[in-house]
């Protein structure tokens, strides 16, 4: 099951009650941050999200209202004692921008993944989810992100396994069809 929290959806200038772009997606206990405009940290605090549970950040494009909050967010996690690696997906130039802002000041590793904005492709996959990049029409190169939850394998009733005397090594193959 997926749950999306809109942290901000306003354009480039923040307002008292409207915040720049950022969304938090929860999928089976995993948190994914999509864009990180100014004020994202405060919005995350309001919705009581644990920063340490965010392992992957996806930045759609390099207009400031989509990434100006990223360096501060990464630094806050360092100040909180983060040790886990952070995976960041976005335009190639993002790596240089963030590295220039933080200049070796983090005690945890950042891994950047360049996302090409000109074609549909798989950019991330784990046991529960696949994330695809898809080109968007915008004034500059821009990527949308499609999150698809993987279907869990069906359960087989233990009584039926015993009734049909199915060897243990065949159960996964049966679940897969």
N, C-alpha and C. Protein backbone atom coordinates (compact mmCIF):
# COMPACT_ATOMS: atom_id res chain seq x y z
N UNK A 1 0.83 -1.17 0.00
CA UNK A 1 0.00 0.00 0.00
C UNK A 1 0.89 1.25 0.00
N UNK A 2 0.48 2.24 -0.75
CA UNK A 2 1.21 3.49 -0.84
C UNK A 2 0.41 4.62 -0.20
N UNK A 3 1.15 5.54 0.43
CA UNK A 3 0.51 6.73 0.99
C UNK A 3 1.37 7.94 0.63
N UNK A 4 0.77 8.90 -0.06
CA UNK A 4 1.48 10.10 -0.50
C UNK A 4 1.07 11.28 0.36
N UNK A 5 2.06 11.98 0.90
CA UNK A 5 1.81 13.20 1.66
C UNK A 5 2.39 14.36 0.87
N UNK A 6 1.54 15.31 0.52
CA UNK A 6 1.98 16.51 -0.19
C UNK A 6 2.52 17.48 0.85
N UNK A 7 3.81 17.69 0.84
CA UNK A 7 4.44 18.61 1.79
C UNK A 7 4.37 20.04 1.28
N UNK A 8 4.38 20.18 -0.03
CA UNK A 8 4.27 21.48 -0.66
C UNK A 8 4.00 21.31 -2.14
N UNK A 9 3.24 22.24 -2.70
CA UNK A 9 2.94 22.16 -4.13
C UNK A 9 2.84 23.55 -4.76
N UNK A 10 3.34 24.55 -4.05
CA UNK A 10 3.27 25.92 -4.56
C UNK A 10 4.47 26.22 -5.45
N UNK A 11 4.34 27.22 -6.27
CA UNK A 11 5.43 27.57 -7.19
C UNK A 11 6.59 28.22 -6.45
N UNK A 12 7.46 28.85 -7.17
CA UNK A 12 8.78 29.28 -6.71
C UNK A 12 8.82 30.12 -5.44
N UNK A 13 7.80 30.87 -5.11
CA UNK A 13 7.87 31.73 -3.94
C UNK A 13 7.04 31.16 -2.79
N UNK A 14 7.68 30.80 -1.68
CA UNK A 14 6.92 30.26 -0.56
C UNK A 14 6.03 31.32 0.07
N UNK A 15 4.96 30.91 0.66
CA UNK A 15 4.01 31.77 1.38
C UNK A 15 3.84 31.19 2.78
N UNK A 16 3.19 31.92 3.64
CA UNK A 16 2.99 31.46 5.02
C UNK A 16 2.24 30.13 5.06
N UNK A 17 1.29 29.94 4.19
CA UNK A 17 0.48 28.70 4.23
C UNK A 17 0.60 27.87 2.95
N UNK A 18 1.55 28.21 2.11
CA UNK A 18 1.79 27.45 0.88
C UNK A 18 3.29 27.22 0.77
N UNK A 19 3.67 25.99 0.47
CA UNK A 19 5.09 25.63 0.49
C UNK A 19 5.54 25.14 -0.88
N UNK A 20 6.84 25.29 -1.14
CA UNK A 20 7.38 24.85 -2.42
C UNK A 20 7.35 23.32 -2.51
N UNK A 21 7.58 22.83 -3.69
CA UNK A 21 7.32 21.44 -4.04
C UNK A 21 8.12 20.42 -3.24
N UNK A 22 7.38 19.45 -2.71
CA UNK A 22 7.98 18.30 -2.05
C UNK A 22 6.85 17.34 -1.68
N UNK A 23 7.12 16.05 -1.88
CA UNK A 23 6.16 15.02 -1.52
C UNK A 23 6.89 13.90 -0.79
N UNK A 24 6.18 13.25 0.13
CA UNK A 24 6.73 12.11 0.85
C UNK A 24 5.86 10.91 0.53
N UNK A 25 6.48 9.88 -0.01
CA UNK A 25 5.75 8.66 -0.37
C UNK A 25 6.17 7.54 0.57
N UNK A 26 5.18 6.90 1.19
CA UNK A 26 5.45 5.74 2.04
C UNK A 26 4.95 4.50 1.34
N UNK A 27 5.81 3.50 1.20
CA UNK A 27 5.47 2.23 0.59
C UNK A 27 5.97 1.13 1.53
N UNK A 28 5.03 0.44 2.16
CA UNK A 28 5.36 -0.66 3.06
C UNK A 28 6.44 -0.28 4.07
N UNK A 29 6.30 0.88 4.67
CA UNK A 29 7.24 1.33 5.69
C UNK A 29 8.48 2.03 5.18
N UNK A 30 8.69 2.06 3.87
CA UNK A 30 9.82 2.76 3.26
C UNK A 30 9.39 4.16 2.87
N UNK A 31 10.22 5.16 3.18
CA UNK A 31 9.91 6.54 2.83
C UNK A 31 10.78 7.02 1.68
N UNK A 32 10.14 7.64 0.69
CA UNK A 32 10.81 8.20 -0.47
C UNK A 32 10.44 9.68 -0.54
N UNK A 33 11.45 10.55 -0.66
CA UNK A 33 11.22 11.98 -0.79
C UNK A 33 11.30 12.36 -2.25
N UNK A 34 10.27 13.02 -2.73
CA UNK A 34 10.21 13.44 -4.13
C UNK A 34 10.26 14.97 -4.14
N UNK A 35 11.35 15.51 -4.66
CA UNK A 35 11.66 16.94 -4.67
C UNK A 35 11.85 17.43 -3.23
N UNK A 36 12.53 18.56 -3.10
CA UNK A 36 12.89 19.05 -1.77
C UNK A 36 13.02 20.56 -1.81
N UNK A 37 11.90 21.24 -1.96
CA UNK A 37 11.90 22.69 -1.98
C UNK A 37 12.19 23.26 -0.60
N UNK A 38 12.35 24.59 -0.53
CA UNK A 38 12.56 25.24 0.76
C UNK A 38 11.41 24.89 1.70
N UNK A 39 11.71 24.70 2.96
CA UNK A 39 10.68 24.42 3.95
C UNK A 39 10.31 22.95 4.08
N UNK A 40 10.94 22.09 3.30
CA UNK A 40 10.62 20.66 3.36
C UNK A 40 10.84 20.10 4.76
N UNK A 41 11.93 20.50 5.41
CA UNK A 41 12.20 19.99 6.75
C UNK A 41 11.07 20.32 7.72
N UNK A 42 10.60 21.54 7.65
CA UNK A 42 9.51 21.95 8.56
C UNK A 42 8.23 21.18 8.27
N UNK A 43 7.94 20.96 7.01
CA UNK A 43 6.75 20.19 6.64
C UNK A 43 6.88 18.73 7.08
N UNK A 44 8.09 18.16 6.96
CA UNK A 44 8.32 16.80 7.43
C UNK A 44 8.11 16.71 8.94
N UNK A 45 8.54 17.74 9.65
CA UNK A 45 8.33 17.75 11.11
C UNK A 45 6.85 17.83 11.44
N UNK A 46 6.11 18.64 10.69
CA UNK A 46 4.66 18.76 10.94
C UNK A 46 3.95 17.43 10.76
N UNK A 47 4.36 16.64 9.78
CA UNK A 47 3.70 15.35 9.56
C UNK A 47 4.38 14.22 10.35
N UNK A 48 5.33 14.60 11.22
CA UNK A 48 6.01 13.66 12.12
C UNK A 48 6.76 12.53 11.40
N UNK A 49 7.31 12.84 10.24
CA UNK A 49 8.10 11.86 9.50
C UNK A 49 9.50 11.78 10.11
N UNK A 50 10.01 10.57 10.24
CA UNK A 50 11.37 10.39 10.75
C UNK A 50 12.35 10.55 9.59
N UNK A 51 13.20 11.56 9.67
CA UNK A 51 14.16 11.84 8.63
C UNK A 51 15.02 10.62 8.33
N UNK A 52 15.39 9.89 9.37
CA UNK A 52 16.31 8.75 9.21
C UNK A 52 15.71 7.62 8.38
N UNK A 53 14.40 7.58 8.22
CA UNK A 53 13.77 6.53 7.43
C UNK A 53 13.81 6.83 5.93
N UNK A 54 14.18 8.04 5.57
CA UNK A 54 14.28 8.40 4.15
C UNK A 54 15.65 7.94 3.65
N UNK A 55 15.65 7.04 2.68
CA UNK A 55 16.89 6.50 2.12
C UNK A 55 17.10 6.94 0.67
N UNK A 56 16.02 7.42 0.03
CA UNK A 56 16.07 7.75 -1.40
C UNK A 56 15.36 9.08 -1.63
N UNK A 57 16.02 9.95 -2.40
CA UNK A 57 15.45 11.25 -2.75
C UNK A 57 15.46 11.36 -4.28
N UNK A 58 14.35 11.82 -4.83
CA UNK A 58 14.18 11.96 -6.28
C UNK A 58 13.93 13.43 -6.59
N UNK A 59 14.80 14.03 -7.40
CA UNK A 59 14.67 15.44 -7.78
C UNK A 59 14.30 15.50 -9.26
N UNK A 60 13.17 16.14 -9.56
CA UNK A 60 12.62 16.13 -10.91
C UNK A 60 13.38 17.02 -11.90
N UNK A 61 13.82 18.18 -11.43
CA UNK A 61 14.53 19.10 -12.32
C UNK A 61 15.19 20.19 -11.49
N UNK A 62 15.94 21.05 -12.16
CA UNK A 62 16.76 22.01 -11.45
C UNK A 62 16.19 23.42 -11.40
N UNK A 63 14.89 23.55 -11.27
CA UNK A 63 14.31 24.82 -10.86
C UNK A 63 14.39 24.83 -9.34
N UNK A 64 14.79 25.95 -8.77
CA UNK A 64 15.07 26.03 -7.34
C UNK A 64 13.96 25.57 -6.42
N UNK A 65 12.72 25.79 -6.80
CA UNK A 65 11.62 25.40 -5.91
C UNK A 65 11.50 23.89 -5.78
N UNK A 66 12.30 23.14 -6.51
CA UNK A 66 12.28 21.68 -6.42
C UNK A 66 13.49 21.11 -5.70
N UNK A 67 14.54 21.94 -5.46
CA UNK A 67 15.72 21.37 -4.80
C UNK A 67 16.44 22.32 -3.83
N UNK A 68 16.00 23.56 -3.65
CA UNK A 68 16.73 24.48 -2.77
C UNK A 68 16.74 24.02 -1.31
N UNK A 69 15.87 23.16 -0.89
CA UNK A 69 15.87 22.67 0.48
C UNK A 69 16.75 21.45 0.70
N UNK A 70 17.32 20.90 -0.37
CA UNK A 70 18.05 19.63 -0.28
C UNK A 70 19.33 19.72 0.56
N UNK A 71 20.17 20.71 0.32
CA UNK A 71 21.45 20.80 1.06
C UNK A 71 21.19 20.94 2.56
N UNK A 72 20.25 21.77 2.93
CA UNK A 72 19.92 21.94 4.35
C UNK A 72 19.37 20.67 4.96
N UNK A 73 18.53 19.98 4.22
CA UNK A 73 17.96 18.71 4.69
C UNK A 73 19.06 17.68 4.93
N UNK A 74 19.99 17.56 3.97
CA UNK A 74 21.10 16.61 4.12
C UNK A 74 21.97 16.98 5.32
N UNK A 75 22.21 18.27 5.53
CA UNK A 75 23.03 18.72 6.65
C UNK A 75 22.32 18.44 7.98
N UNK A 76 21.03 18.66 8.04
CA UNK A 76 20.29 18.37 9.27
C UNK A 76 20.42 16.91 9.65
N UNK A 77 20.32 16.02 8.66
CA UNK A 77 20.46 14.60 8.97
C UNK A 77 21.87 14.29 9.48
N UNK A 78 22.88 14.99 8.98
CA UNK A 78 24.24 14.81 9.49
C UNK A 78 24.30 15.25 10.95
N UNK A 79 23.70 16.38 11.25
CA UNK A 79 23.69 16.89 12.63
C UNK A 79 22.94 15.95 13.57
N UNK A 80 21.99 15.20 13.03
CA UNK A 80 21.24 14.21 13.83
C UNK A 80 22.00 12.89 13.97
N UNK A 81 23.18 12.80 13.37
CA UNK A 81 24.02 11.62 13.52
C UNK A 81 23.80 10.53 12.48
N UNK A 82 23.24 10.89 11.35
CA UNK A 82 23.00 9.90 10.31
C UNK A 82 24.30 9.20 9.89
N UNK A 83 24.22 7.90 9.70
CA UNK A 83 25.35 7.10 9.22
C UNK A 83 25.01 6.35 7.93
N UNK A 84 23.71 6.14 7.68
CA UNK A 84 23.28 5.39 6.49
C UNK A 84 23.51 6.19 5.22
N UNK A 85 23.80 5.48 4.15
CA UNK A 85 23.97 6.08 2.83
C UNK A 85 22.65 6.68 2.35
N UNK A 86 22.73 7.83 1.68
CA UNK A 86 21.57 8.45 1.06
C UNK A 86 21.72 8.33 -0.45
N UNK A 87 20.66 7.88 -1.12
CA UNK A 87 20.66 7.71 -2.57
C UNK A 87 19.84 8.85 -3.17
N UNK A 88 20.46 9.59 -4.09
CA UNK A 88 19.81 10.76 -4.69
C UNK A 88 19.74 10.58 -6.20
N UNK A 89 18.54 10.69 -6.74
CA UNK A 89 18.27 10.53 -8.17
C UNK A 89 17.88 11.89 -8.73
N UNK A 90 18.52 12.29 -9.83
CA UNK A 90 18.16 13.57 -10.43
C UNK A 90 19.05 13.91 -11.60
N UNK A 91 18.95 15.15 -12.09
CA UNK A 91 19.77 15.59 -13.22
C UNK A 91 21.26 15.52 -12.87
N UNK A 92 22.09 15.32 -13.87
CA UNK A 92 23.54 15.16 -13.68
C UNK A 92 24.15 16.33 -12.90
N UNK A 93 23.70 17.54 -13.17
CA UNK A 93 24.28 18.73 -12.54
C UNK A 93 24.02 18.81 -11.04
N UNK A 94 23.02 18.08 -10.55
CA UNK A 94 22.65 18.15 -9.14
C UNK A 94 23.81 17.74 -8.23
N UNK A 95 24.55 16.74 -8.64
CA UNK A 95 25.68 16.26 -7.82
C UNK A 95 26.68 17.40 -7.55
N UNK A 96 27.05 18.13 -8.58
CA UNK A 96 28.01 19.22 -8.41
C UNK A 96 27.45 20.34 -7.54
N UNK A 97 26.18 20.64 -7.71
CA UNK A 97 25.54 21.70 -6.92
C UNK A 97 25.57 21.33 -5.44
N UNK A 98 25.16 20.14 -5.11
CA UNK A 98 25.10 19.72 -3.70
C UNK A 98 26.49 19.56 -3.12
N UNK A 99 27.40 18.96 -3.86
CA UNK A 99 28.78 18.80 -3.35
C UNK A 99 29.42 20.17 -3.10
N UNK A 100 29.16 21.16 -3.96
CA UNK A 100 29.72 22.50 -3.77
C UNK A 100 29.15 23.15 -2.51
N UNK A 101 27.88 22.91 -2.22
CA UNK A 101 27.26 23.51 -1.04
C UNK A 101 27.75 22.86 0.25
N UNK A 102 28.02 21.58 0.22
CA UNK A 102 28.35 20.86 1.45
C UNK A 102 29.84 20.62 1.65
N UNK A 103 30.65 20.74 0.60
CA UNK A 103 32.11 20.60 0.62
C UNK A 103 32.61 19.67 1.74
N UNK A 104 32.39 18.40 1.53
CA UNK A 104 32.90 17.36 2.43
C UNK A 104 32.48 17.52 3.89
N UNK A 105 31.31 18.06 4.15
CA UNK A 105 30.91 18.29 5.53
C UNK A 105 29.98 17.20 6.08
N UNK A 106 29.66 16.19 5.29
CA UNK A 106 28.76 15.13 5.76
C UNK A 106 29.56 13.93 6.25
N UNK A 107 29.05 13.29 7.29
CA UNK A 107 29.71 12.10 7.82
C UNK A 107 29.07 10.81 7.29
N UNK A 108 28.16 10.95 6.35
CA UNK A 108 27.56 9.77 5.71
C UNK A 108 27.71 9.92 4.20
N UNK A 109 27.56 8.81 3.50
CA UNK A 109 27.81 8.80 2.05
C UNK A 109 26.57 9.21 1.26
N UNK A 110 26.80 10.01 0.24
CA UNK A 110 25.76 10.34 -0.75
C UNK A 110 26.12 9.59 -2.03
N UNK A 111 25.14 8.92 -2.60
CA UNK A 111 25.33 8.29 -3.91
C UNK A 111 24.34 8.94 -4.86
N UNK A 112 24.88 9.52 -5.93
CA UNK A 112 24.06 10.21 -6.92
C UNK A 112 23.84 9.31 -8.13
N UNK A 113 22.63 9.31 -8.63
CA UNK A 113 22.26 8.56 -9.83
C UNK A 113 21.72 9.58 -10.83
N UNK A 114 22.35 9.63 -11.99
CA UNK A 114 21.89 10.55 -13.03
C UNK A 114 20.64 9.99 -13.69
N UNK A 115 19.62 10.82 -13.75
CA UNK A 115 18.36 10.43 -14.40
C UNK A 115 18.25 11.19 -15.71
N UNK A 116 18.14 10.44 -16.78
CA UNK A 116 17.96 11.05 -18.10
C UNK A 116 16.49 11.46 -18.25
N UNK A 117 16.28 12.69 -18.66
CA UNK A 117 14.92 13.22 -18.75
C UNK A 117 14.28 13.02 -20.11
N UNK A 118 14.98 12.38 -21.03
CA UNK A 118 14.45 12.31 -22.40
C UNK A 118 13.80 10.99 -22.76
N UNK A 119 13.75 10.01 -21.87
CA UNK A 119 13.07 8.76 -22.20
C UNK A 119 12.61 8.02 -20.94
N UNK A 120 11.64 7.17 -21.13
CA UNK A 120 11.06 6.36 -20.06
C UNK A 120 12.01 5.21 -19.74
N UNK A 121 12.39 5.07 -18.47
CA UNK A 121 13.29 3.98 -18.10
C UNK A 121 13.25 3.69 -16.60
N UNK A 122 13.63 2.49 -16.24
CA UNK A 122 13.70 2.07 -14.85
C UNK A 122 14.93 2.70 -14.22
N UNK A 123 14.74 3.36 -13.04
CA UNK A 123 15.88 3.99 -12.37
C UNK A 123 16.16 3.39 -11.00
N UNK A 124 15.19 2.68 -10.43
CA UNK A 124 15.41 2.08 -9.11
C UNK A 124 14.47 0.90 -8.94
N UNK A 125 14.98 -0.11 -8.25
CA UNK A 125 14.15 -1.29 -7.99
C UNK A 125 14.66 -1.96 -6.72
N UNK A 126 13.72 -2.40 -5.89
CA UNK A 126 14.06 -3.26 -4.76
C UNK A 126 12.99 -4.35 -4.69
N UNK A 127 12.88 -5.04 -3.59
CA UNK A 127 11.95 -6.17 -3.51
C UNK A 127 10.48 -5.75 -3.47
N UNK A 128 10.20 -4.48 -3.18
CA UNK A 128 8.80 -4.06 -3.06
C UNK A 128 8.35 -3.05 -4.11
N UNK A 129 9.29 -2.40 -4.78
CA UNK A 129 8.89 -1.29 -5.66
C UNK A 129 9.83 -1.16 -6.86
N UNK A 130 9.28 -0.61 -7.94
CA UNK A 130 10.06 -0.18 -9.10
C UNK A 130 9.76 1.29 -9.31
N UNK A 131 10.80 2.06 -9.66
CA UNK A 131 10.61 3.47 -9.95
C UNK A 131 11.10 3.72 -11.38
N UNK A 132 10.22 4.32 -12.16
CA UNK A 132 10.53 4.65 -13.55
C UNK A 132 10.62 6.16 -13.71
N UNK A 133 11.55 6.61 -14.54
CA UNK A 133 11.63 8.02 -14.92
C UNK A 133 10.88 8.18 -16.23
N UNK A 134 10.12 9.26 -16.34
CA UNK A 134 9.44 9.53 -17.60
C UNK A 134 9.58 11.00 -17.94
N UNK A 135 9.79 11.30 -19.21
CA UNK A 135 10.00 12.69 -19.61
C UNK A 135 8.73 13.52 -19.42
N UNK A 136 8.92 14.73 -18.96
CA UNK A 136 7.82 15.68 -18.76
C UNK A 136 8.07 16.90 -19.65
N UNK A 137 7.02 17.58 -20.02
CA UNK A 137 7.17 18.81 -20.79
C UNK A 137 7.24 19.98 -19.81
N UNK A 138 8.34 20.69 -19.88
CA UNK A 138 8.58 21.82 -18.98
C UNK A 138 9.56 22.75 -19.69
N UNK A 139 9.84 23.90 -19.11
CA UNK A 139 10.77 24.85 -19.75
C UNK A 139 12.19 24.33 -19.80
N UNK A 140 12.54 23.45 -18.86
CA UNK A 140 13.86 22.81 -18.87
C UNK A 140 13.65 21.30 -18.77
N UNK A 141 14.72 20.53 -18.95
CA UNK A 141 14.62 19.07 -18.84
C UNK A 141 14.02 18.71 -17.49
N UNK A 142 12.99 17.87 -17.53
CA UNK A 142 12.24 17.55 -16.32
C UNK A 142 11.79 16.09 -16.37
N UNK A 143 11.87 15.43 -15.23
CA UNK A 143 11.52 14.03 -15.12
C UNK A 143 10.37 13.84 -14.15
N UNK A 144 9.40 13.03 -14.55
CA UNK A 144 8.38 12.56 -13.63
C UNK A 144 8.81 11.21 -13.09
N UNK A 145 8.26 10.81 -11.99
CA UNK A 145 8.62 9.54 -11.39
C UNK A 145 7.37 8.69 -11.20
N UNK A 146 7.42 7.48 -11.74
CA UNK A 146 6.31 6.54 -11.61
C UNK A 146 6.74 5.45 -10.64
N UNK A 147 6.06 5.36 -9.52
CA UNK A 147 6.35 4.35 -8.50
C UNK A 147 5.33 3.22 -8.66
N UNK A 148 5.82 2.02 -8.89
CA UNK A 148 4.95 0.85 -9.04
C UNK A 148 5.29 -0.16 -7.96
N UNK A 149 4.30 -0.48 -7.15
CA UNK A 149 4.49 -1.48 -6.11
C UNK A 149 4.46 -2.86 -6.74
N UNK A 150 5.42 -3.69 -6.36
CA UNK A 150 5.45 -5.06 -6.88
C UNK A 150 4.40 -5.90 -6.18
N UNK A 151 3.84 -6.83 -6.92
CA UNK A 151 2.86 -7.74 -6.35
C UNK A 151 3.57 -8.80 -5.51
N UNK A 152 3.06 -9.02 -4.31
CA UNK A 152 3.62 -10.06 -3.45
C UNK A 152 3.21 -11.43 -4.01
N UNK A 153 4.06 -12.41 -3.81
CA UNK A 153 3.71 -13.77 -4.23
C UNK A 153 2.56 -14.28 -3.37
N UNK A 154 1.68 -15.09 -3.96
CA UNK A 154 0.53 -15.59 -3.20
C UNK A 154 0.98 -16.57 -2.10
N UNK A 155 0.16 -16.68 -1.09
CA UNK A 155 0.41 -17.66 -0.04
C UNK A 155 -0.19 -19.00 -0.44
N UNK A 156 0.44 -20.07 0.01
CA UNK A 156 -0.10 -21.41 -0.19
C UNK A 156 -0.45 -21.95 1.19
N UNK A 157 -1.64 -22.44 1.32
CA UNK A 157 -2.08 -22.97 2.61
C UNK A 157 -1.22 -24.15 3.03
N UNK A 158 -0.76 -24.09 4.26
CA UNK A 158 0.11 -25.14 4.79
C UNK A 158 -0.58 -26.50 4.73
N UNK A 159 -1.87 -26.52 4.99
CA UNK A 159 -2.63 -27.78 4.96
C UNK A 159 -2.62 -28.39 3.56
N UNK A 160 -2.67 -27.55 2.52
CA UNK A 160 -2.66 -28.05 1.15
C UNK A 160 -1.27 -28.57 0.76
N UNK A 161 -0.24 -27.90 1.26
CA UNK A 161 1.13 -28.37 1.01
C UNK A 161 1.29 -29.77 1.59
N UNK A 162 0.78 -29.95 2.79
CA UNK A 162 0.87 -31.25 3.45
C UNK A 162 -0.03 -32.28 2.76
N UNK A 163 -1.24 -31.86 2.38
CA UNK A 163 -2.19 -32.79 1.76
C UNK A 163 -1.66 -33.33 0.44
N UNK A 164 -0.98 -32.48 -0.33
CA UNK A 164 -0.46 -32.90 -1.63
C UNK A 164 1.01 -33.34 -1.54
N UNK A 165 1.55 -33.33 -0.34
CA UNK A 165 2.93 -33.75 -0.09
C UNK A 165 3.92 -33.05 -1.04
N UNK A 166 3.82 -31.71 -1.06
CA UNK A 166 4.67 -30.91 -1.95
C UNK A 166 6.02 -30.70 -1.28
N UNK A 167 7.11 -31.06 -1.95
CA UNK A 167 8.45 -30.84 -1.39
C UNK A 167 8.72 -29.34 -1.21
N UNK A 168 9.39 -29.01 -0.15
CA UNK A 168 9.68 -27.62 0.21
C UNK A 168 10.36 -26.84 -0.93
N UNK A 169 11.29 -27.47 -1.64
CA UNK A 169 12.06 -26.76 -2.67
C UNK A 169 11.20 -26.34 -3.87
N UNK A 170 9.97 -26.84 -4.00
CA UNK A 170 9.09 -26.47 -5.13
C UNK A 170 8.10 -25.37 -4.80
N UNK A 171 8.02 -24.98 -3.53
CA UNK A 171 6.99 -24.02 -3.13
C UNK A 171 7.16 -22.67 -3.82
N UNK A 172 8.37 -22.13 -3.87
CA UNK A 172 8.58 -20.83 -4.56
C UNK A 172 8.23 -20.91 -6.04
N UNK A 173 8.60 -22.00 -6.69
CA UNK A 173 8.27 -22.15 -8.12
C UNK A 173 6.77 -22.21 -8.33
N UNK A 174 6.07 -22.87 -7.44
CA UNK A 174 4.60 -22.94 -7.55
C UNK A 174 4.00 -21.55 -7.36
N UNK A 175 4.50 -20.79 -6.37
CA UNK A 175 4.00 -19.43 -6.14
C UNK A 175 4.20 -18.55 -7.37
N UNK A 176 5.29 -18.77 -8.08
CA UNK A 176 5.60 -17.97 -9.27
C UNK A 176 4.86 -18.44 -10.52
N UNK A 177 4.05 -19.48 -10.36
CA UNK A 177 3.23 -19.96 -11.47
C UNK A 177 3.85 -21.08 -12.24
